[in-house]
N, C-alpha and C. Protein backbone atom coordinates (compact mmCIF):
# COMPACT_ATOMS: atom_id res chain seq x y z
N MET A 1 -23.64 -26.33 1.38
CA MET A 1 -22.42 -25.78 0.82
C MET A 1 -22.70 -24.42 0.23
N GLN A 2 -21.78 -23.47 0.50
CA GLN A 2 -21.94 -22.13 0.00
C GLN A 2 -21.62 -22.04 -1.48
N SER A 3 -22.44 -21.37 -2.23
CA SER A 3 -22.19 -21.24 -3.66
C SER A 3 -20.99 -20.33 -3.90
N THR A 4 -20.36 -20.48 -5.01
CA THR A 4 -19.19 -19.65 -5.36
C THR A 4 -19.62 -18.18 -5.52
N ARG A 5 -20.81 -17.96 -6.01
CA ARG A 5 -21.26 -16.58 -6.25
C ARG A 5 -21.47 -15.81 -4.95
N SER A 6 -21.88 -16.48 -3.90
CA SER A 6 -22.10 -15.75 -2.63
C SER A 6 -20.87 -15.67 -1.72
N LYS A 7 -19.84 -16.32 -2.10
CA LYS A 7 -18.61 -16.29 -1.35
C LYS A 7 -17.88 -14.96 -1.59
N LYS A 8 -17.46 -14.31 -0.52
CA LYS A 8 -16.75 -13.03 -0.64
C LYS A 8 -15.32 -13.33 -1.14
N LEU A 9 -14.83 -12.48 -2.04
CA LEU A 9 -13.43 -12.58 -2.47
C LEU A 9 -12.51 -12.25 -1.32
N ARG A 10 -11.38 -12.97 -1.28
CA ARG A 10 -10.35 -12.69 -0.31
C ARG A 10 -9.28 -11.86 -1.02
N ILE A 11 -9.16 -10.61 -0.61
CA ILE A 11 -8.26 -9.69 -1.32
C ILE A 11 -7.11 -9.28 -0.40
N LEU A 12 -5.91 -9.43 -0.94
CA LEU A 12 -4.76 -8.82 -0.30
C LEU A 12 -4.60 -7.45 -0.92
N LEU A 13 -4.89 -6.41 -0.16
CA LEU A 13 -4.93 -5.04 -0.64
C LEU A 13 -3.69 -4.32 -0.12
N VAL A 14 -2.74 -4.08 -1.00
CA VAL A 14 -1.47 -3.45 -0.63
C VAL A 14 -1.55 -1.98 -0.95
N MET A 15 -1.51 -1.16 0.12
CA MET A 15 -1.60 0.30 -0.04
C MET A 15 -0.59 0.93 0.91
N GLU A 16 0.61 1.17 0.38
CA GLU A 16 1.63 1.79 1.22
C GLU A 16 1.10 3.10 1.82
N GLN A 17 0.35 3.81 1.06
CA GLN A 17 -0.29 5.03 1.53
C GLN A 17 -1.80 4.79 1.59
N CYS A 18 -2.36 4.85 2.78
CA CYS A 18 -3.81 4.68 2.96
C CYS A 18 -4.19 5.40 4.25
N ASN A 19 -4.79 6.58 4.08
CA ASN A 19 -5.01 7.39 5.26
C ASN A 19 -6.21 8.33 5.05
N PRO A 20 -7.25 8.15 5.87
CA PRO A 20 -8.45 9.01 5.73
C PRO A 20 -8.22 10.48 6.15
N ASP A 21 -7.15 10.76 6.82
CA ASP A 21 -6.89 12.13 7.29
C ASP A 21 -6.01 12.93 6.33
N TRP A 22 -5.49 12.29 5.30
CA TRP A 22 -4.57 12.99 4.39
C TRP A 22 -5.32 13.22 3.08
N PHE A 23 -4.66 13.88 2.14
CA PHE A 23 -5.26 14.16 0.84
C PHE A 23 -4.49 13.42 -0.25
N SER A 24 -4.95 13.57 -1.45
CA SER A 24 -4.29 12.98 -2.65
C SER A 24 -4.28 11.47 -2.61
N VAL A 25 -3.18 10.86 -2.88
CA VAL A 25 -3.07 9.42 -2.99
C VAL A 25 -3.49 8.69 -1.72
N PRO A 26 -3.07 9.08 -0.51
CA PRO A 26 -3.51 8.38 0.68
C PRO A 26 -5.05 8.39 0.85
N LEU A 27 -5.67 9.48 0.53
CA LEU A 27 -7.13 9.57 0.65
C LEU A 27 -7.81 8.75 -0.47
N GLU A 28 -7.26 8.79 -1.64
CA GLU A 28 -7.78 7.96 -2.75
C GLU A 28 -7.75 6.48 -2.35
N ALA A 29 -6.63 6.05 -1.79
CA ALA A 29 -6.52 4.67 -1.34
C ALA A 29 -7.56 4.35 -0.26
N TRP A 30 -7.70 5.25 0.68
CA TRP A 30 -8.70 5.06 1.73
C TRP A 30 -10.11 4.88 1.11
N ASN A 31 -10.42 5.70 0.13
CA ASN A 31 -11.75 5.61 -0.51
C ASN A 31 -11.95 4.27 -1.19
N TYR A 32 -10.91 3.75 -1.82
CA TYR A 32 -11.00 2.39 -2.39
C TYR A 32 -11.26 1.36 -1.32
N TYR A 33 -10.49 1.44 -0.24
CA TYR A 33 -10.67 0.51 0.85
C TYR A 33 -12.14 0.57 1.40
N GLU A 34 -12.63 1.80 1.60
CA GLU A 34 -13.97 1.98 2.11
C GLU A 34 -15.02 1.30 1.22
N GLN A 35 -14.84 1.36 -0.08
CA GLN A 35 -15.80 0.77 -1.01
C GLN A 35 -15.67 -0.75 -1.08
N LEU A 36 -14.48 -1.27 -0.81
CA LEU A 36 -14.27 -2.73 -0.91
C LEU A 36 -14.53 -3.50 0.37
N LYS A 37 -14.40 -2.85 1.53
CA LYS A 37 -14.40 -3.55 2.78
C LYS A 37 -15.67 -4.37 3.10
N ASP A 38 -16.81 -3.94 2.61
CA ASP A 38 -18.04 -4.66 2.88
C ASP A 38 -18.39 -5.65 1.76
N ARG A 39 -17.62 -5.61 0.68
CA ARG A 39 -17.87 -6.44 -0.47
C ARG A 39 -16.95 -7.66 -0.55
N ALA A 40 -15.87 -7.59 0.20
CA ALA A 40 -14.85 -8.63 0.13
C ALA A 40 -14.20 -8.78 1.52
N THR A 41 -13.48 -9.88 1.69
CA THR A 41 -12.68 -10.09 2.88
C THR A 41 -11.31 -9.48 2.58
N ILE A 42 -11.03 -8.38 3.25
CA ILE A 42 -9.81 -7.61 2.91
C ILE A 42 -8.75 -7.83 3.96
N THR A 43 -7.54 -8.06 3.52
CA THR A 43 -6.35 -7.92 4.35
C THR A 43 -5.67 -6.69 3.81
N LEU A 44 -5.68 -5.62 4.60
CA LEU A 44 -5.06 -4.36 4.20
C LEU A 44 -3.63 -4.32 4.71
N VAL A 45 -2.70 -4.05 3.79
CA VAL A 45 -1.31 -3.93 4.17
C VAL A 45 -0.90 -2.49 3.87
N THR A 46 -0.43 -1.79 4.90
CA THR A 46 -0.09 -0.39 4.75
C THR A 46 1.09 -0.05 5.62
N HIS A 47 1.58 1.17 5.45
CA HIS A 47 2.71 1.63 6.21
C HIS A 47 2.30 2.03 7.62
N GLU A 48 3.21 1.83 8.53
CA GLU A 48 3.00 2.16 9.97
C GLU A 48 2.52 3.62 10.15
N ARG A 49 3.00 4.53 9.29
CA ARG A 49 2.66 5.94 9.50
C ARG A 49 1.14 6.20 9.34
N ASN A 50 0.40 5.22 8.84
CA ASN A 50 -1.06 5.36 8.69
C ASN A 50 -1.83 4.84 9.91
N ARG A 51 -1.14 4.21 10.84
CA ARG A 51 -1.80 3.53 11.97
C ARG A 51 -2.72 4.44 12.79
N ALA A 52 -2.20 5.60 13.20
CA ALA A 52 -2.99 6.45 14.10
C ALA A 52 -4.35 6.85 13.47
N ALA A 53 -4.31 7.19 12.19
CA ALA A 53 -5.57 7.59 11.51
C ALA A 53 -6.47 6.40 11.33
N LEU A 54 -5.94 5.26 10.93
CA LEU A 54 -6.76 4.08 10.67
C LEU A 54 -7.38 3.52 11.97
N GLU A 55 -6.64 3.59 13.06
CA GLU A 55 -7.17 3.04 14.31
C GLU A 55 -8.26 3.89 14.91
N LYS A 56 -8.46 5.09 14.43
CA LYS A 56 -9.57 5.96 14.89
C LYS A 56 -10.89 5.56 14.19
N VAL A 57 -10.78 4.79 13.16
CA VAL A 57 -11.98 4.44 12.37
C VAL A 57 -12.68 3.23 13.00
N PRO A 58 -13.93 3.39 13.42
CA PRO A 58 -14.64 2.28 14.06
C PRO A 58 -14.79 1.07 13.10
N GLY A 59 -14.58 -0.10 13.62
CA GLY A 59 -14.82 -1.31 12.85
C GLY A 59 -13.73 -1.73 11.91
N ILE A 60 -12.67 -1.00 11.78
CA ILE A 60 -11.62 -1.41 10.85
C ILE A 60 -10.84 -2.57 11.46
N SER A 61 -10.56 -3.58 10.65
CA SER A 61 -9.87 -4.73 11.16
C SER A 61 -9.03 -5.35 10.05
N ASN A 62 -8.23 -6.33 10.44
CA ASN A 62 -7.39 -7.08 9.54
C ASN A 62 -6.45 -6.18 8.74
N VAL A 63 -5.75 -5.29 9.50
CA VAL A 63 -4.75 -4.42 8.93
C VAL A 63 -3.37 -4.86 9.37
N VAL A 64 -2.48 -4.93 8.44
CA VAL A 64 -1.09 -5.30 8.75
C VAL A 64 -0.27 -4.00 8.47
N TYR A 65 0.38 -3.54 9.52
CA TYR A 65 1.20 -2.33 9.42
C TYR A 65 2.65 -2.72 9.23
N ILE A 66 3.25 -2.16 8.20
CA ILE A 66 4.66 -2.42 7.90
C ILE A 66 5.50 -1.29 8.48
N THR A 67 6.41 -1.64 9.36
CA THR A 67 7.30 -0.64 9.98
C THR A 67 8.56 -0.52 9.15
N GLU A 68 9.15 0.65 9.21
CA GLU A 68 10.41 0.86 8.48
C GLU A 68 11.59 0.77 9.45
N SER A 69 12.71 0.48 8.90
CA SER A 69 13.94 0.40 9.72
C SER A 69 14.31 1.80 10.18
N LYS A 70 15.16 1.87 11.18
CA LYS A 70 15.60 3.15 11.69
C LYS A 70 16.36 3.95 10.60
N ALA A 71 17.14 3.25 9.80
CA ALA A 71 17.89 3.92 8.75
C ALA A 71 16.92 4.56 7.73
N VAL A 72 15.89 3.83 7.33
CA VAL A 72 14.92 4.38 6.36
C VAL A 72 14.12 5.50 7.01
N SER A 73 13.80 5.35 8.26
CA SER A 73 13.04 6.39 8.95
C SER A 73 13.85 7.68 9.00
N ARG A 74 15.14 7.58 9.31
CA ARG A 74 16.01 8.75 9.30
C ARG A 74 16.15 9.37 7.90
N TYR A 75 16.25 8.48 6.91
CA TYR A 75 16.33 8.94 5.51
C TYR A 75 15.06 9.67 5.12
N TYR A 76 13.90 9.16 5.50
CA TYR A 76 12.59 9.79 5.22
C TYR A 76 12.56 11.19 5.83
N ASP A 77 12.96 11.29 7.09
CA ASP A 77 12.99 12.62 7.75
C ASP A 77 13.95 13.60 7.03
N PHE A 78 15.09 13.05 6.61
CA PHE A 78 16.10 13.84 5.91
C PHE A 78 15.56 14.39 4.58
N ILE A 79 14.97 13.51 3.80
CA ILE A 79 14.48 13.97 2.46
C ILE A 79 13.34 14.98 2.64
N ASN A 80 12.53 14.82 3.65
CA ASN A 80 11.47 15.81 3.88
C ASN A 80 12.06 17.14 4.32
N LEU A 81 13.12 17.12 5.08
CA LEU A 81 13.76 18.36 5.50
C LEU A 81 14.39 19.04 4.28
N VAL A 82 15.13 18.28 3.50
CA VAL A 82 15.76 18.83 2.30
C VAL A 82 14.69 19.36 1.33
N ALA A 83 13.61 18.64 1.15
CA ALA A 83 12.54 19.07 0.28
C ALA A 83 11.93 20.40 0.75
N SER A 84 11.76 20.55 2.05
CA SER A 84 11.19 21.81 2.57
C SER A 84 12.09 22.99 2.33
N ILE A 85 13.44 22.74 2.35
CA ILE A 85 14.40 23.82 2.13
C ILE A 85 14.55 24.10 0.64
N VAL A 86 14.74 23.06 -0.13
CA VAL A 86 15.02 23.22 -1.56
C VAL A 86 13.77 23.66 -2.36
N PHE A 87 12.65 23.02 -2.07
CA PHE A 87 11.45 23.31 -2.85
C PHE A 87 10.66 24.51 -2.34
N LYS A 88 10.96 24.98 -1.15
CA LYS A 88 10.36 26.17 -0.57
C LYS A 88 8.82 26.17 -0.70
N GLY A 89 8.20 25.09 -0.24
CA GLY A 89 6.74 25.04 -0.22
C GLY A 89 6.12 24.45 -1.48
N LYS A 90 6.91 24.31 -2.53
CA LYS A 90 6.43 23.66 -3.76
C LYS A 90 7.19 22.37 -3.95
N THR A 91 6.54 21.39 -4.57
CA THR A 91 7.17 20.12 -4.68
C THR A 91 7.44 19.74 -6.14
N ASN A 92 8.63 19.31 -6.39
CA ASN A 92 9.02 18.77 -7.71
C ASN A 92 8.72 17.26 -7.58
N TRP A 93 7.54 16.81 -7.95
CA TRP A 93 7.12 15.42 -7.70
C TRP A 93 8.02 14.37 -8.35
N PRO A 94 8.45 14.54 -9.61
CA PRO A 94 9.35 13.51 -10.18
C PRO A 94 10.63 13.36 -9.37
N LEU A 95 11.21 14.48 -8.94
CA LEU A 95 12.43 14.41 -8.14
C LEU A 95 12.15 13.82 -6.78
N MET A 96 11.06 14.23 -6.15
CA MET A 96 10.68 13.71 -4.81
C MET A 96 10.46 12.20 -4.88
N ASN A 97 9.76 11.73 -5.90
CA ASN A 97 9.53 10.31 -6.04
C ASN A 97 10.79 9.51 -6.27
N ALA A 98 11.71 10.11 -7.00
CA ALA A 98 13.00 9.44 -7.25
C ALA A 98 13.80 9.31 -5.95
N ILE A 99 13.93 10.37 -5.19
CA ILE A 99 14.74 10.33 -3.97
C ILE A 99 14.06 9.58 -2.84
N ALA A 100 12.73 9.47 -2.91
CA ALA A 100 12.01 8.79 -1.83
C ALA A 100 11.87 7.28 -2.12
N TYR A 101 12.36 6.81 -3.25
CA TYR A 101 12.19 5.39 -3.58
C TYR A 101 12.69 4.43 -2.52
N PRO A 102 13.82 4.65 -1.87
CA PRO A 102 14.29 3.71 -0.84
C PRO A 102 13.23 3.44 0.27
N VAL A 103 12.43 4.44 0.56
CA VAL A 103 11.38 4.26 1.59
C VAL A 103 10.37 3.22 1.07
N TYR A 104 9.92 3.40 -0.16
CA TYR A 104 8.97 2.45 -0.73
C TYR A 104 9.63 1.10 -0.97
N GLY A 105 10.90 1.13 -1.41
CA GLY A 105 11.60 -0.12 -1.70
C GLY A 105 11.65 -1.07 -0.51
N GLU A 106 11.90 -0.49 0.66
CA GLU A 106 11.92 -1.33 1.88
C GLU A 106 10.51 -1.88 2.16
N PHE A 107 9.47 -1.05 2.04
CA PHE A 107 8.09 -1.50 2.24
C PHE A 107 7.76 -2.63 1.27
N ASN A 108 8.11 -2.46 0.03
CA ASN A 108 7.85 -3.47 -1.01
C ASN A 108 8.48 -4.78 -0.66
N GLN A 109 9.73 -4.77 -0.24
CA GLN A 109 10.45 -5.98 0.11
C GLN A 109 9.79 -6.68 1.34
N LYS A 110 9.41 -5.90 2.31
CA LYS A 110 8.79 -6.46 3.53
C LYS A 110 7.41 -7.08 3.23
N VAL A 111 6.64 -6.44 2.32
CA VAL A 111 5.36 -7.02 1.95
C VAL A 111 5.59 -8.39 1.28
N TYR A 112 6.56 -8.43 0.37
CA TYR A 112 6.87 -9.68 -0.31
C TYR A 112 7.27 -10.80 0.67
N LYS A 113 8.15 -10.48 1.59
CA LYS A 113 8.62 -11.47 2.55
C LYS A 113 7.47 -11.95 3.44
N LEU A 114 6.62 -11.01 3.86
CA LEU A 114 5.51 -11.35 4.77
C LEU A 114 4.40 -12.17 4.10
N PHE A 115 4.11 -11.90 2.83
CA PHE A 115 2.94 -12.50 2.20
C PHE A 115 3.23 -13.49 1.06
N LYS A 116 4.47 -13.64 0.71
CA LYS A 116 4.80 -14.56 -0.40
C LYS A 116 4.19 -15.94 -0.21
N ALA A 117 4.41 -16.54 0.94
CA ALA A 117 3.91 -17.90 1.18
C ALA A 117 2.38 -17.94 1.15
N ASN A 118 1.73 -16.92 1.75
CA ASN A 118 0.27 -16.87 1.77
C ASN A 118 -0.32 -16.83 0.36
N VAL A 119 0.32 -16.01 -0.49
CA VAL A 119 -0.16 -15.89 -1.87
C VAL A 119 0.09 -17.20 -2.62
N LEU A 120 1.27 -17.74 -2.48
CA LEU A 120 1.58 -19.01 -3.17
C LEU A 120 0.68 -20.14 -2.69
N ASN A 121 0.23 -20.10 -1.45
CA ASN A 121 -0.67 -21.14 -0.91
C ASN A 121 -2.13 -20.90 -1.23
N GLY A 122 -2.44 -19.88 -2.01
CA GLY A 122 -3.78 -19.62 -2.44
C GLY A 122 -4.69 -19.07 -1.38
N GLU A 123 -4.14 -18.36 -0.42
CA GLU A 123 -4.98 -17.79 0.65
C GLU A 123 -5.74 -16.52 0.23
N PHE A 124 -5.41 -16.00 -0.96
CA PHE A 124 -6.12 -14.83 -1.48
C PHE A 124 -6.61 -15.15 -2.88
N ASP A 125 -7.78 -14.59 -3.22
CA ASP A 125 -8.32 -14.73 -4.56
C ASP A 125 -7.75 -13.72 -5.51
N VAL A 126 -7.35 -12.58 -4.96
CA VAL A 126 -6.80 -11.46 -5.76
C VAL A 126 -5.76 -10.75 -4.90
N VAL A 127 -4.68 -10.32 -5.55
CA VAL A 127 -3.70 -9.41 -4.92
C VAL A 127 -3.83 -8.11 -5.67
N HIS A 128 -4.17 -7.05 -4.96
CA HIS A 128 -4.36 -5.73 -5.57
C HIS A 128 -3.40 -4.73 -4.94
N VAL A 129 -2.46 -4.24 -5.70
CA VAL A 129 -1.52 -3.21 -5.25
C VAL A 129 -2.05 -1.89 -5.78
N LEU A 130 -2.50 -1.01 -4.87
CA LEU A 130 -3.14 0.22 -5.30
C LEU A 130 -2.20 1.41 -5.17
N THR A 131 -1.36 1.44 -4.15
CA THR A 131 -0.39 2.55 -4.05
C THR A 131 1.01 1.98 -3.85
N PRO A 132 2.01 2.68 -4.32
CA PRO A 132 1.95 3.97 -4.96
C PRO A 132 1.32 3.84 -6.36
N MET A 133 0.82 4.95 -6.85
CA MET A 133 0.10 4.96 -8.13
C MET A 133 1.04 5.34 -9.27
N MET A 134 2.27 4.93 -9.18
CA MET A 134 3.27 5.25 -10.21
C MET A 134 3.73 3.98 -10.91
N PRO A 135 3.69 4.00 -12.23
CA PRO A 135 4.10 2.78 -12.97
C PRO A 135 5.59 2.45 -12.83
N ARG A 136 6.40 3.42 -12.38
CA ARG A 136 7.82 3.12 -12.30
C ARG A 136 8.22 2.46 -10.97
N TYR A 137 7.30 2.33 -10.05
CA TYR A 137 7.59 1.66 -8.78
C TYR A 137 7.12 0.20 -8.93
N PRO A 138 7.99 -0.76 -8.71
CA PRO A 138 7.62 -2.17 -8.88
C PRO A 138 6.81 -2.70 -7.69
N ALA A 139 6.14 -3.79 -7.92
CA ALA A 139 5.42 -4.50 -6.85
C ALA A 139 5.95 -5.92 -6.82
N LYS A 140 6.86 -6.22 -5.93
CA LYS A 140 7.55 -7.50 -5.93
C LYS A 140 6.58 -8.66 -5.65
N ILE A 141 5.49 -8.43 -4.97
CA ILE A 141 4.54 -9.49 -4.65
C ILE A 141 3.98 -10.17 -5.90
N ILE A 142 4.11 -9.55 -7.04
CA ILE A 142 3.65 -10.16 -8.30
C ILE A 142 4.39 -11.48 -8.56
N LYS A 143 5.61 -11.61 -8.06
CA LYS A 143 6.37 -12.86 -8.23
C LYS A 143 5.68 -14.04 -7.61
N ALA A 144 4.91 -13.79 -6.55
CA ALA A 144 4.22 -14.88 -5.88
C ALA A 144 2.85 -15.18 -6.50
N CYS A 145 2.41 -14.34 -7.41
CA CYS A 145 1.09 -14.48 -8.01
C CYS A 145 1.09 -15.44 -9.19
N GLN A 146 1.60 -16.63 -8.99
CA GLN A 146 1.66 -17.62 -10.05
C GLN A 146 0.28 -18.17 -10.39
N GLN A 147 -0.57 -18.33 -9.37
CA GLN A 147 -1.92 -18.85 -9.54
C GLN A 147 -2.98 -17.88 -9.08
N THR A 148 -2.57 -16.70 -8.65
CA THR A 148 -3.48 -15.72 -8.10
C THR A 148 -3.50 -14.47 -9.00
N PRO A 149 -4.66 -14.01 -9.38
CA PRO A 149 -4.73 -12.80 -10.19
C PRO A 149 -4.13 -11.61 -9.48
N PHE A 150 -3.42 -10.78 -10.24
CA PHE A 150 -2.74 -9.61 -9.72
C PHE A 150 -3.32 -8.38 -10.40
N LEU A 151 -3.65 -7.38 -9.60
CA LEU A 151 -4.22 -6.14 -10.12
C LEU A 151 -3.34 -4.98 -9.65
N LEU A 152 -2.92 -4.13 -10.58
CA LEU A 152 -2.11 -2.96 -10.25
C LEU A 152 -2.90 -1.73 -10.67
N GLY A 153 -3.04 -0.83 -9.73
CA GLY A 153 -3.64 0.44 -10.13
C GLY A 153 -4.85 0.82 -9.33
N PRO A 154 -5.36 1.98 -9.63
CA PRO A 154 -5.10 2.78 -10.83
C PRO A 154 -3.70 3.33 -10.87
N VAL A 155 -3.23 3.65 -12.06
CA VAL A 155 -1.86 4.11 -12.23
C VAL A 155 -1.88 5.49 -12.87
N ASN A 156 -1.14 6.42 -12.26
CA ASN A 156 -0.96 7.76 -12.85
C ASN A 156 0.07 7.68 -13.92
N GLY A 157 0.06 8.61 -14.82
CA GLY A 157 1.04 8.62 -15.91
C GLY A 157 2.30 9.39 -15.56
N GLY A 158 2.19 10.40 -14.67
CA GLY A 158 3.23 11.28 -14.22
C GLY A 158 4.59 10.80 -14.51
């Protein structure tokens, strides 16, 4: 029988943004994943827009890509267009985060629907929501963490 100490933790790692080709939050998330992947059994849940970059990485596995609806995809394109016109190369992050919330909101809801039963059934030892790194964005999966430890963060103060 395997001892508890040598057993790898099973982590549900929720990172809406996780991309080794980007900077800032997506790259920070990628660096966390890189450090955890050999230490634990990871199920990485991320947005579909990260697929191309992640699939170029040799040996990456057990990734669940969340796709967005056509309406949210169109909305995402629209807010990026408006931001490029209004902000003229500079970004007002609090405003951008506020108007982009529906994109994350759909992701958050889909993660909950997809993994609620798995978490409730004890299939993970820890649920870690790493991105977005904003305290004002909720993580609905916490509702399923009745017997499973939940970790949020790191969290920016912004």
